[in-house]
C-alpha cells in the first residue's frame, strides 16, 4: 500500500540527532553560565548548524 521509502536515511538521522544534542548542550550551558534564554537559543542554533556541517564532513 505505502511503497515510499523513509523520509530520512540513517546517516542523515544520526547527523541531525548529534547536531540537536550539541545545540541543546550549548544552549543549556549558555543559560547556566548566566546568559539570557534568547542568547541560549542563539548559541544553540549556531552550534546546531556548525555541528551538522562538521558531522556531515566526518561521517561517511
Protein backbone atom coordinates (compact mmCIF):
# COMPACT_ATOMS: atom_id res chain seq x y z
CA UNK A 1 0.00 0.00 0.00
CA UNK A 2 2.69 2.52 1.01
CA UNK A 3 5.72 1.92 -1.21
CA UNK A 4 7.58 5.08 -0.29
CA UNK A 5 10.97 4.91 1.36
CA UNK A 6 11.88 6.53 4.66
CA UNK A 7 11.82 10.31 4.94
CA UNK A 8 15.45 10.42 6.12
CA UNK A 9 18.23 7.95 5.70
CA UNK A 10 20.03 6.51 8.69
CA UNK A 11 23.11 8.68 8.13
CA UNK A 12 21.07 11.89 7.96
CA UNK A 13 19.11 10.95 11.08
CA UNK A 14 22.33 10.35 13.04
CA UNK A 15 23.83 13.63 11.84
CA UNK A 16 20.71 15.60 12.82
CA UNK A 17 20.49 13.80 16.17
CA UNK A 18 24.09 14.64 17.00
CA UNK A 19 23.52 18.21 15.87
CA UNK A 20 20.47 18.54 18.09
CA UNK A 21 22.37 17.17 21.10
CA UNK A 22 25.27 19.57 20.54
CA UNK A 23 22.89 22.50 20.07
CA UNK A 24 20.92 21.63 23.18
CA UNK A 25 24.09 21.28 25.22
CA UNK A 26 25.44 24.61 24.01
CA UNK A 27 22.16 26.38 24.74
CA UNK A 28 21.87 24.92 28.22
CA UNK A 29 25.48 25.73 29.03
CA UNK A 30 24.98 29.31 27.84
CA UNK A 31 21.94 29.83 30.06
CA UNK A 32 23.58 28.15 33.06
CA UNK A 33 26.61 30.40 32.65
CA UNK A 34 24.39 33.43 33.15
CA UNK A 35 23.26 34.18 29.63
CA UNK A 36 19.71 35.08 28.72
CA UNK A 37 17.35 32.44 27.34
CA UNK A 38 17.37 34.25 23.99
CA UNK A 39 21.16 34.07 23.97
CA UNK A 40 20.94 30.37 24.75
CA UNK A 41 18.65 29.82 21.77
CA UNK A 42 21.00 31.74 19.50
CA UNK A 43 24.04 29.85 20.78
CA UNK A 44 22.22 26.53 20.42
CA UNK A 45 21.14 27.32 16.88
CA UNK A 46 24.63 28.32 15.85
CA UNK A 47 26.10 25.20 17.46
CA UNK A 48 23.49 23.05 15.71
CA UNK A 49 24.37 24.45 12.30
CA UNK A 50 28.10 24.16 12.83
CA UNK A 51 27.89 20.63 14.23
CA UNK A 52 25.67 19.40 11.37
CA UNK A 53 28.25 20.65 8.87
CA UNK A 54 31.05 19.08 10.94
CA UNK A 55 29.37 15.68 11.32
CA UNK A 56 28.35 15.70 7.66
CA UNK A 57 32.01 16.08 6.75
CA UNK A 58 33.37 13.36 9.05
CA UNK A 59 30.64 10.68 8.99
CA UNK A 60 30.85 8.55 5.89
